[in-house]
Structures are given as C-alpha cells and as structure tokens.
C-alpha cells in the first residue's frame, strides 16, 4: 500500500514539473505574484503595457494598434483575466506579453478557421504566439480579429 502511495506522489510531482516547464515565461511583475500586493492586477491597459519590458512592449503596442483598427469604433479596452482585451457587449479578443512572445487570444474556433494561415506560429487551443524578435504580422492579426468580430455579430443576430 505504501509503495502505491509513493508512486502516485512521484507521478504527481513529475506531472507538476512538466506542466510548469510547458508554461510560457511570464514577465516579472505580472501575473499572480504581481497582484498579490494589490487587488486585481493592472488597473487599465496603459498600466499593463507600461510594465512590459522591451522588446515585448513595442510588439504589444503594435498588436494593440492592429486590433484597434480591426474592431468596431465603439469597442472598449478593458483588463480581463489580468490582461488587456477589447470588448463590445462581450470580449472580442485578449492579448498579452510574455518574455519571448506576445499572444493573441481570439478563441479556439477562429484559430481553427485560420489553421493554414497560422502554420508558422505556435498555437494552442485558444492562443497564437508571435515571437518578439520577429516582425509582427499585423495583416494576419487584423484578419483574425475581424473574423472574431464577425463571429460575435453573428451570435448576436445582427
């Protein structure tokens, strides 16, 4: 009985290590550890971006501008899940900075729809990663965001 318990504990520990190493490298001062001393993380998008070191900050600003140009004028910027987002009745897209990439979160269905266009980028179920050491594909970002906006409008029945 004791050996079974030890094996289960060892397996859980190994799994934790794998999950931790698979996570994206966070920017120091963001995430759970940053919000521990204050409630809710950054108060607005400008505060979030100001905390991001270069070169990720420049890429994030480019991404923000590309998204802004693709969403309806009445969309507002918010902080949701401690990262920036654009919202129009519901959240359209989220975006964030990490040490080696910036991420766009346009939802899994949009990523699946543009799977071929995203072939050269790291993707997961709901995220696309754009390396900070390469030019940002603003046309592709706009395409993804416009598809997400269209999806939301269709769901709303407009």
N, C-alpha and C. Protein backbone atom coordinates (compact mmCIF):
# COMPACT_ATOMS: atom_id res chain seq x y z
N UNK A 1 0.83 -1.19 0.00
CA UNK A 1 0.00 0.00 0.00
C UNK A 1 0.87 1.25 0.00
N UNK A 2 1.92 1.25 0.82
CA UNK A 2 2.79 2.42 0.91
C UNK A 2 3.51 2.69 -0.41
N UNK A 3 3.91 1.62 -1.13
CA UNK A 3 4.62 1.82 -2.40
C UNK A 3 3.69 2.41 -3.47
N UNK A 4 2.42 2.03 -3.44
CA UNK A 4 1.46 2.60 -4.38
C UNK A 4 1.31 4.09 -4.12
N UNK A 5 1.23 4.45 -2.85
CA UNK A 5 1.11 5.85 -2.46
C UNK A 5 2.34 6.65 -2.92
N UNK A 6 3.53 6.07 -2.74
CA UNK A 6 4.77 6.74 -3.16
C UNK A 6 4.80 6.93 -4.67
N UNK A 7 4.37 5.91 -5.43
CA UNK A 7 4.36 6.03 -6.90
C UNK A 7 3.39 7.12 -7.35
N UNK A 8 2.21 7.19 -6.72
CA UNK A 8 1.25 8.23 -7.08
C UNK A 8 1.80 9.61 -6.77
N UNK A 9 2.45 9.76 -5.62
CA UNK A 9 3.04 11.04 -5.25
C UNK A 9 4.15 11.42 -6.22
N UNK A 10 4.98 10.46 -6.58
CA UNK A 10 6.07 10.71 -7.53
C UNK A 10 5.51 11.10 -8.89
N UNK A 11 4.46 10.45 -9.33
CA UNK A 11 3.85 10.76 -10.62
C UNK A 11 3.26 12.16 -10.61
N UNK A 12 2.59 12.54 -9.52
CA UNK A 12 2.04 13.89 -9.42
C UNK A 12 3.14 14.93 -9.46
N UNK A 13 4.23 14.68 -8.75
CA UNK A 13 5.35 15.62 -8.74
C UNK A 13 5.95 15.76 -10.13
N UNK A 14 6.11 14.66 -10.83
CA UNK A 14 6.66 14.69 -12.19
C UNK A 14 5.74 15.47 -13.12
N UNK A 15 4.44 15.23 -13.00
CA UNK A 15 3.48 15.95 -13.84
C UNK A 15 3.51 17.44 -13.56
N UNK A 16 3.63 17.82 -12.31
CA UNK A 16 3.72 19.25 -11.98
C UNK A 16 4.92 19.88 -12.65
N UNK A 17 6.04 19.19 -12.65
CA UNK A 17 7.25 19.70 -13.28
C UNK A 17 7.08 19.89 -14.78
N UNK A 18 6.42 18.93 -15.42
CA UNK A 18 6.18 19.02 -16.86
C UNK A 18 5.26 20.20 -17.16
N UNK A 19 4.19 20.33 -16.40
CA UNK A 19 3.25 21.44 -16.63
C UNK A 19 3.95 22.77 -16.42
N UNK A 20 4.76 22.88 -15.38
CA UNK A 20 5.43 24.15 -15.10
C UNK A 20 6.40 24.51 -16.21
N UNK A 21 7.13 23.54 -16.74
CA UNK A 21 8.10 23.85 -17.79
C UNK A 21 7.43 24.16 -19.12
N UNK A 22 6.21 23.68 -19.29
CA UNK A 22 5.49 23.92 -20.54
C UNK A 22 4.85 25.31 -20.57
N UNK A 23 4.71 25.94 -19.41
CA UNK A 23 4.09 27.26 -19.35
C UNK A 23 4.99 28.31 -19.98
N UNK A 24 4.37 29.35 -20.50
CA UNK A 24 5.12 30.46 -21.07
C UNK A 24 5.85 31.20 -19.96
N UNK A 25 6.99 31.74 -20.30
CA UNK A 25 7.76 32.51 -19.33
C UNK A 25 7.09 33.87 -19.15
N UNK A 26 6.66 34.13 -17.94
CA UNK A 26 5.98 35.38 -17.63
C UNK A 26 6.97 36.52 -17.47
N UNK A 27 6.48 37.70 -17.73
CA UNK A 27 7.26 38.90 -17.49
C UNK A 27 7.25 39.16 -15.99
N UNK A 28 8.42 39.39 -15.38
CA UNK A 28 8.46 39.67 -13.94
C UNK A 28 7.56 40.86 -13.63
N UNK A 29 6.82 40.74 -12.51
CA UNK A 29 5.96 41.83 -12.11
C UNK A 29 4.55 41.74 -12.67
N UNK A 30 4.25 40.68 -13.43
CA UNK A 30 2.90 40.48 -13.94
C UNK A 30 2.40 39.14 -13.46
N UNK A 31 1.13 38.96 -13.49
CA UNK A 31 0.54 37.69 -13.10
C UNK A 31 0.23 37.64 -11.62
N UNK A 32 0.11 36.43 -11.09
CA UNK A 32 -0.32 36.25 -9.71
C UNK A 32 0.60 36.93 -8.72
N UNK A 33 1.91 36.82 -8.94
CA UNK A 33 2.84 37.42 -7.98
C UNK A 33 2.75 38.94 -7.97
N UNK A 34 2.38 39.54 -9.08
CA UNK A 34 2.27 41.00 -9.15
C UNK A 34 1.02 41.47 -8.44
N UNK A 35 -0.05 40.71 -8.56
CA UNK A 35 -1.30 41.17 -7.97
C UNK A 35 -1.43 40.80 -6.50
N UNK A 36 -0.44 40.06 -5.98
CA UNK A 36 -0.51 39.65 -4.58
C UNK A 36 -0.53 40.86 -3.65
N UNK A 37 0.19 41.90 -4.00
CA UNK A 37 0.27 43.08 -3.15
C UNK A 37 -0.82 44.08 -3.41
N UNK A 38 -1.58 43.93 -4.48
CA UNK A 38 -2.68 44.84 -4.77
C UNK A 38 -3.82 44.03 -5.36
N UNK A 39 -4.99 44.59 -5.34
CA UNK A 39 -6.16 43.85 -5.82
C UNK A 39 -6.31 43.98 -7.32
N UNK A 40 -6.43 42.82 -7.99
CA UNK A 40 -6.83 42.79 -9.38
C UNK A 40 -5.79 43.06 -10.44
N UNK A 41 -4.53 43.18 -10.14
CA UNK A 41 -3.53 43.41 -11.17
C UNK A 41 -3.58 44.83 -11.73
N UNK A 42 -3.21 45.00 -13.00
CA UNK A 42 -3.18 46.35 -13.57
C UNK A 42 -4.59 46.95 -13.65
N UNK A 43 -4.67 48.27 -13.41
CA UNK A 43 -5.99 48.90 -13.40
C UNK A 43 -6.49 49.23 -14.79
N UNK A 44 -5.58 49.37 -15.74
CA UNK A 44 -6.00 49.63 -17.12
C UNK A 44 -4.93 49.14 -18.09
N UNK A 45 -5.23 49.21 -19.38
CA UNK A 45 -4.33 48.68 -20.41
C UNK A 45 -3.02 49.45 -20.44
N UNK A 46 -3.08 50.77 -20.28
CA UNK A 46 -1.84 51.56 -20.28
C UNK A 46 -0.90 51.14 -19.16
N UNK A 47 -1.44 50.86 -17.98
CA UNK A 47 -0.62 50.40 -16.86
C UNK A 47 -0.01 49.03 -17.18
N UNK A 48 -0.78 48.15 -17.78
CA UNK A 48 -0.28 46.83 -18.17
C UNK A 48 0.90 46.98 -19.13
N UNK A 49 0.71 47.77 -20.18
CA UNK A 49 1.74 47.93 -21.20
C UNK A 49 2.99 48.60 -20.63
N UNK A 50 2.81 49.56 -19.74
CA UNK A 50 3.95 50.26 -19.13
C UNK A 50 4.84 49.30 -18.34
N UNK A 51 4.25 48.24 -17.81
CA UNK A 51 5.01 47.28 -17.00
C UNK A 51 5.77 46.26 -17.86
N UNK A 52 5.52 46.25 -19.15
CA UNK A 52 6.14 45.27 -20.04
C UNK A 52 7.50 45.79 -20.52
N UNK A 53 8.57 45.03 -20.35
CA UNK A 53 9.89 45.48 -20.84
C UNK A 53 10.01 45.34 -22.36
N UNK A 54 10.95 46.08 -22.92
CA UNK A 54 11.24 45.96 -24.36
C UNK A 54 11.92 44.61 -24.60
N UNK A 55 11.80 44.00 -25.76
CA UNK A 55 11.10 44.43 -26.97
C UNK A 55 9.62 44.08 -26.98
N UNK A 56 9.16 43.37 -25.95
CA UNK A 56 7.76 42.95 -25.93
C UNK A 56 6.81 44.14 -25.90
N UNK A 57 7.20 45.23 -25.22
CA UNK A 57 6.33 46.40 -25.15
C UNK A 57 6.04 46.97 -26.53
N UNK A 58 7.06 47.10 -27.37
CA UNK A 58 6.86 47.62 -28.72
C UNK A 58 5.94 46.71 -29.53
N UNK A 59 6.15 45.41 -29.44
CA UNK A 59 5.31 44.46 -30.17
C UNK A 59 3.87 44.52 -29.66
N UNK A 60 3.73 44.66 -28.35
CA UNK A 60 2.39 44.73 -27.77
C UNK A 60 1.66 46.00 -28.23
N UNK A 61 2.37 47.10 -28.31
CA UNK A 61 1.77 48.34 -28.81
C UNK A 61 1.34 48.19 -30.27
N UNK A 62 2.18 47.52 -31.06
CA UNK A 62 1.82 47.26 -32.47
C UNK A 62 0.57 46.38 -32.54
N UNK A 63 0.53 45.36 -31.70
CA UNK A 63 -0.62 44.46 -31.69
C UNK A 63 -1.88 45.22 -31.28
N UNK A 64 -1.76 46.06 -30.28
CA UNK A 64 -2.90 46.86 -29.82
C UNK A 64 -3.44 47.73 -30.96
N UNK A 65 -2.55 48.38 -31.70
CA UNK A 65 -2.96 49.23 -32.82
C UNK A 65 -3.64 48.41 -33.92
N UNK A 66 -3.09 47.24 -34.22
CA UNK A 66 -3.68 46.38 -35.25
C UNK A 66 -5.08 45.93 -34.83
N UNK A 67 -5.22 45.54 -33.58
CA UNK A 67 -6.53 45.11 -33.09
C UNK A 67 -7.50 46.28 -33.12
N UNK A 68 -7.07 47.43 -32.63
CA UNK A 68 -7.92 48.62 -32.60
C UNK A 68 -8.46 48.94 -34.01
N UNK A 69 -7.61 48.78 -35.03
CA UNK A 69 -8.04 49.10 -36.39
C UNK A 69 -9.03 48.08 -36.96
N UNK A 70 -9.13 46.92 -36.33
CA UNK A 70 -10.00 45.85 -36.84
C UNK A 70 -11.31 45.70 -36.07
N UNK A 71 -11.40 46.30 -34.90
CA UNK A 71 -12.64 46.19 -34.12
C UNK A 71 -13.52 47.40 -34.40
N UNK A 72 -14.81 47.29 -34.16
CA UNK A 72 -15.69 48.45 -34.33
C UNK A 72 -15.26 49.62 -33.43
N UNK A 73 -15.54 50.83 -33.88
CA UNK A 73 -15.12 52.03 -33.15
C UNK A 73 -15.67 52.07 -31.73
N UNK A 74 -16.83 51.48 -31.50
CA UNK A 74 -17.43 51.52 -30.17
C UNK A 74 -16.86 50.47 -29.20
N UNK A 75 -15.98 49.62 -29.66
CA UNK A 75 -15.33 48.64 -28.77
C UNK A 75 -14.46 49.38 -27.75
N UNK A 76 -14.44 48.87 -26.55
CA UNK A 76 -13.65 49.48 -25.48
C UNK A 76 -12.54 48.54 -25.02
N UNK A 77 -11.50 49.13 -24.48
CA UNK A 77 -10.40 48.35 -23.93
C UNK A 77 -10.64 48.11 -22.45
N UNK A 78 -10.40 46.90 -22.03
CA UNK A 78 -10.57 46.54 -20.62
C UNK A 78 -9.42 45.63 -20.20
N UNK A 79 -9.34 45.40 -18.92
CA UNK A 79 -8.47 44.35 -18.38
C UNK A 79 -9.40 43.21 -17.98
N UNK A 80 -9.15 42.03 -18.53
CA UNK A 80 -9.94 40.84 -18.23
C UNK A 80 -8.96 39.70 -17.98
N UNK A 81 -9.12 38.99 -16.89
CA UNK A 81 -8.17 37.94 -16.51
C UNK A 81 -6.76 38.52 -16.38
N UNK A 82 -6.65 39.76 -15.95
CA UNK A 82 -5.39 40.48 -15.71
C UNK A 82 -4.59 40.74 -16.97
N UNK A 83 -5.23 40.66 -18.15
CA UNK A 83 -4.56 41.01 -19.41
C UNK A 83 -5.49 41.92 -20.22
N UNK A 84 -4.94 42.66 -21.18
CA UNK A 84 -5.76 43.55 -22.00
C UNK A 84 -6.72 42.79 -22.90
N UNK A 85 -7.85 43.43 -23.17
CA UNK A 85 -8.86 42.86 -24.05
C UNK A 85 -9.65 43.99 -24.70
N UNK A 86 -10.30 43.67 -25.80
CA UNK A 86 -11.24 44.58 -26.44
C UNK A 86 -12.62 43.97 -26.28
N UNK A 87 -13.58 44.81 -25.92
CA UNK A 87 -14.91 44.32 -25.60
C UNK A 87 -15.97 45.14 -26.34
N UNK A 88 -16.97 44.46 -26.83
CA UNK A 88 -18.15 45.08 -27.42
C UNK A 88 -19.31 44.16 -27.04
N UNK A 89 -19.98 44.48 -25.96
CA UNK A 89 -21.00 43.64 -25.34
C UNK A 89 -20.39 42.39 -24.71
N UNK A 90 -19.47 41.74 -25.40
CA UNK A 90 -18.71 40.61 -24.86
C UNK A 90 -17.25 40.82 -25.28
N UNK A 91 -16.34 40.09 -24.66
CA UNK A 91 -14.93 40.23 -25.04
C UNK A 91 -14.74 39.68 -26.45
N UNK A 92 -14.10 40.50 -27.28
CA UNK A 92 -13.81 40.08 -28.66
C UNK A 92 -12.50 39.30 -28.69
N UNK A 93 -11.43 39.91 -28.20
CA UNK A 93 -10.12 39.25 -28.14
C UNK A 93 -9.35 39.75 -26.92
N UNK A 94 -8.45 38.91 -26.45
CA UNK A 94 -7.50 39.26 -25.41
C UNK A 94 -6.12 39.26 -26.06
N UNK A 95 -5.17 39.96 -25.44
CA UNK A 95 -3.78 39.90 -25.90
C UNK A 95 -2.88 40.15 -24.69
N UNK A 96 -1.65 39.64 -24.78
CA UNK A 96 -0.75 39.72 -23.62
C UNK A 96 0.70 39.62 -24.05
N UNK A 97 1.59 40.03 -23.16
CA UNK A 97 3.03 39.94 -23.41
C UNK A 97 3.67 38.93 -22.47
N UNK A 98 4.63 38.21 -23.01
CA UNK A 98 5.44 37.28 -22.24
C UNK A 98 6.90 37.59 -22.56
N UNK A 99 7.83 36.91 -21.95
CA UNK A 99 9.24 37.25 -22.16
C UNK A 99 9.68 37.11 -23.61
N UNK A 100 9.24 36.06 -24.29
CA UNK A 100 9.74 35.81 -25.64
C UNK A 100 8.70 35.92 -26.74
N UNK A 101 7.46 36.24 -26.37
CA UNK A 101 6.41 36.36 -27.38
C UNK A 101 5.25 37.22 -26.87
N UNK A 102 4.43 37.64 -27.80
CA UNK A 102 3.15 38.27 -27.47
C UNK A 102 2.07 37.31 -27.95
N UNK A 103 1.01 37.22 -27.19
CA UNK A 103 -0.06 36.28 -27.53
C UNK A 103 -1.34 37.01 -27.87
N UNK A 104 -2.06 36.44 -28.81
CA UNK A 104 -3.40 36.89 -29.16
C UNK A 104 -4.32 35.74 -28.82
N UNK A 105 -5.44 36.04 -28.17
CA UNK A 105 -6.41 35.04 -27.76
C UNK A 105 -7.73 35.32 -28.48
N UNK A 106 -7.88 34.84 -29.73
CA UNK A 106 -9.09 35.13 -30.50
C UNK A 106 -10.18 34.06 -30.38
N UNK A 107 -10.01 33.09 -29.59
CA UNK A 107 -10.86 31.92 -29.35
C UNK A 107 -10.44 30.75 -30.25
N UNK A 108 -10.78 29.56 -29.79
CA UNK A 108 -10.38 28.33 -30.48
C UNK A 108 -10.99 28.22 -31.87
N UNK A 109 -12.22 28.64 -32.03
CA UNK A 109 -12.88 28.49 -33.34
C UNK A 109 -12.23 29.36 -34.41
N UNK A 110 -11.77 30.54 -34.04
CA UNK A 110 -11.07 31.41 -35.00
C UNK A 110 -9.72 30.79 -35.37
N UNK A 111 -9.02 30.28 -34.39
CA UNK A 111 -7.73 29.64 -34.66
C UNK A 111 -7.92 28.45 -35.59
N UNK A 112 -8.93 27.67 -35.34
CA UNK A 112 -9.20 26.51 -36.20
C UNK A 112 -9.53 26.96 -37.63
N UNK A 113 -10.31 28.02 -37.75
CA UNK A 113 -10.70 28.54 -39.07
C UNK A 113 -9.49 28.99 -39.90
N UNK A 114 -8.46 29.51 -39.22
CA UNK A 114 -7.28 30.03 -39.91
C UNK A 114 -6.04 29.16 -39.68
N UNK A 115 -6.25 27.88 -39.41
CA UNK A 115 -5.16 26.95 -39.12
C UNK A 115 -4.03 27.03 -40.16
N UNK A 116 -4.37 27.08 -41.46
CA UNK A 116 -3.35 27.12 -42.52
C UNK A 116 -2.55 28.42 -42.47
N UNK A 117 -3.22 29.55 -42.23
CA UNK A 117 -2.53 30.84 -42.15
C UNK A 117 -1.59 30.91 -40.95
N UNK A 118 -1.87 30.12 -39.92
CA UNK A 118 -1.10 30.16 -38.68
C UNK A 118 -0.02 29.09 -38.62
N UNK A 119 0.22 28.42 -39.73
CA UNK A 119 1.16 27.29 -39.76
C UNK A 119 2.56 27.63 -39.22
N UNK A 120 3.04 28.82 -39.41
CA UNK A 120 4.39 29.17 -38.96
C UNK A 120 4.47 29.67 -37.54
N UNK A 121 3.35 29.66 -36.81
CA UNK A 121 3.32 30.20 -35.45
C UNK A 121 2.94 29.13 -34.45
N UNK A 122 3.36 29.33 -33.21
CA UNK A 122 2.98 28.42 -32.14
C UNK A 122 1.53 28.75 -31.77
N UNK A 123 0.70 27.72 -31.75
CA UNK A 123 -0.69 27.90 -31.37
C UNK A 123 -1.07 26.85 -30.34
N UNK A 124 -2.12 27.17 -29.60
CA UNK A 124 -2.74 26.18 -28.72
C UNK A 124 -4.22 26.31 -28.96
N UNK A 125 -5.02 25.73 -28.13
CA UNK A 125 -6.46 25.72 -28.37
C UNK A 125 -7.03 27.12 -28.62
N UNK A 126 -6.65 28.10 -27.84
CA UNK A 126 -7.22 29.43 -28.00
C UNK A 126 -6.22 30.55 -28.15
N UNK A 127 -4.94 30.22 -28.38
CA UNK A 127 -3.87 31.22 -28.37
C UNK A 127 -2.97 31.12 -29.58
N UNK A 128 -2.53 32.28 -30.06
CA UNK A 128 -1.50 32.34 -31.10
C UNK A 128 -0.33 33.14 -30.51
N UNK A 129 0.87 32.60 -30.63
CA UNK A 129 2.06 33.28 -30.11
C UNK A 129 2.86 33.88 -31.26
N UNK A 130 3.24 35.16 -31.09
CA UNK A 130 4.06 35.86 -32.06
C UNK A 130 5.38 36.22 -31.38
N UNK A 131 6.51 35.68 -31.87
CA UNK A 131 7.80 35.96 -31.24
C UNK A 131 8.13 37.45 -31.24
N UNK A 132 8.70 37.92 -30.15
CA UNK A 132 9.02 39.35 -30.04
C UNK A 132 10.24 39.73 -30.87
N UNK A 133 11.02 38.75 -31.30
CA UNK A 133 12.23 39.07 -32.09
C UNK A 133 11.97 39.08 -33.60
N UNK A 134 10.70 38.96 -33.99
CA UNK A 134 10.35 38.99 -35.41
C UNK A 134 9.27 40.04 -35.65
N UNK A 135 9.16 40.48 -36.90
CA UNK A 135 8.13 41.46 -37.25
C UNK A 135 6.74 40.88 -36.97
N UNK A 136 5.88 41.72 -36.47
CA UNK A 136 4.52 41.30 -36.16
C UNK A 136 3.68 41.23 -37.44
N UNK A 137 2.98 40.13 -37.69
CA UNK A 137 2.15 40.00 -38.89
C UNK A 137 0.81 40.73 -38.71
N UNK A 138 0.85 42.05 -38.80
CA UNK A 138 -0.34 42.85 -38.50
C UNK A 138 -1.52 42.51 -39.40
N UNK A 139 -1.26 42.22 -40.67
CA UNK A 139 -2.37 41.87 -41.58
C UNK A 139 -3.07 40.60 -41.10
N UNK A 140 -2.31 39.62 -40.66
CA UNK A 140 -2.88 38.37 -40.14
C UNK A 140 -3.66 38.63 -38.85
N UNK A 141 -3.11 39.45 -37.99
CA UNK A 141 -3.78 39.77 -36.73
C UNK A 141 -5.13 40.44 -37.02
N UNK A 142 -5.14 41.38 -37.95
CA UNK A 142 -6.39 42.05 -38.32
C UNK A 142 -7.41 41.05 -38.87
N UNK A 143 -6.94 40.13 -39.67
CA UNK A 143 -7.79 39.10 -40.26
C UNK A 143 -8.43 38.24 -39.16
N UNK A 144 -7.64 37.84 -38.18
CA UNK A 144 -8.14 37.04 -37.06
C UNK A 144 -9.17 37.81 -36.24
N UNK A 145 -8.85 39.06 -35.97
CA UNK A 145 -9.74 39.89 -35.16
C UNK A 145 -11.06 40.15 -35.90
N UNK A 146 -10.98 40.44 -37.19
CA UNK A 146 -12.20 40.67 -37.97
C UNK A 146 -13.07 39.42 -38.00
N UNK A 147 -12.46 38.26 -38.08
CA UNK A 147 -13.22 37.01 -38.05
C UNK A 147 -13.91 36.84 -36.70
N UNK A 148 -13.23 37.20 -35.63
CA UNK A 148 -13.82 37.10 -34.29
C UNK A 148 -14.97 38.08 -34.14
N UNK A 149 -14.81 39.30 -34.65
CA UNK A 149 -15.88 40.30 -34.60
C UNK A 149 -17.10 39.79 -35.37
N UNK A 150 -16.88 39.24 -36.56
CA UNK A 150 -17.97 38.71 -37.37
C UNK A 150 -18.68 37.57 -36.63
N UNK A 151 -17.90 36.72 -35.97
CA UNK A 151 -18.46 35.61 -35.20
C UNK A 151 -19.37 36.14 -34.08
N UNK A 152 -18.93 37.18 -33.39
CA UNK A 152 -19.72 37.76 -32.30
C UNK A 152 -20.99 38.43 -32.82
N UNK A 153 -20.87 39.10 -33.95
CA UNK A 153 -22.04 39.75 -34.55
C UNK A 153 -23.07 38.72 -34.99
N UNK A 154 -22.60 37.63 -35.54
CA UNK A 154 -23.49 36.55 -35.98
C UNK A 154 -24.21 35.94 -34.78
N UNK A 155 -23.48 35.75 -33.69
CA UNK A 155 -24.07 35.18 -32.47
C UNK A 155 -25.11 36.11 -31.87
N UNK A 156 -24.90 37.40 -32.04
CA UNK A 156 -25.84 38.40 -31.53
C UNK A 156 -27.07 38.52 -32.39
N UNK A 157 -26.95 38.06 -33.64
CA UNK A 157 -28.07 38.14 -34.56
C UNK A 157 -28.15 39.45 -35.30
N UNK A 158 -27.00 40.21 -35.35
CA UNK A 158 -27.02 41.47 -36.08
C UNK A 158 -26.44 41.35 -37.44
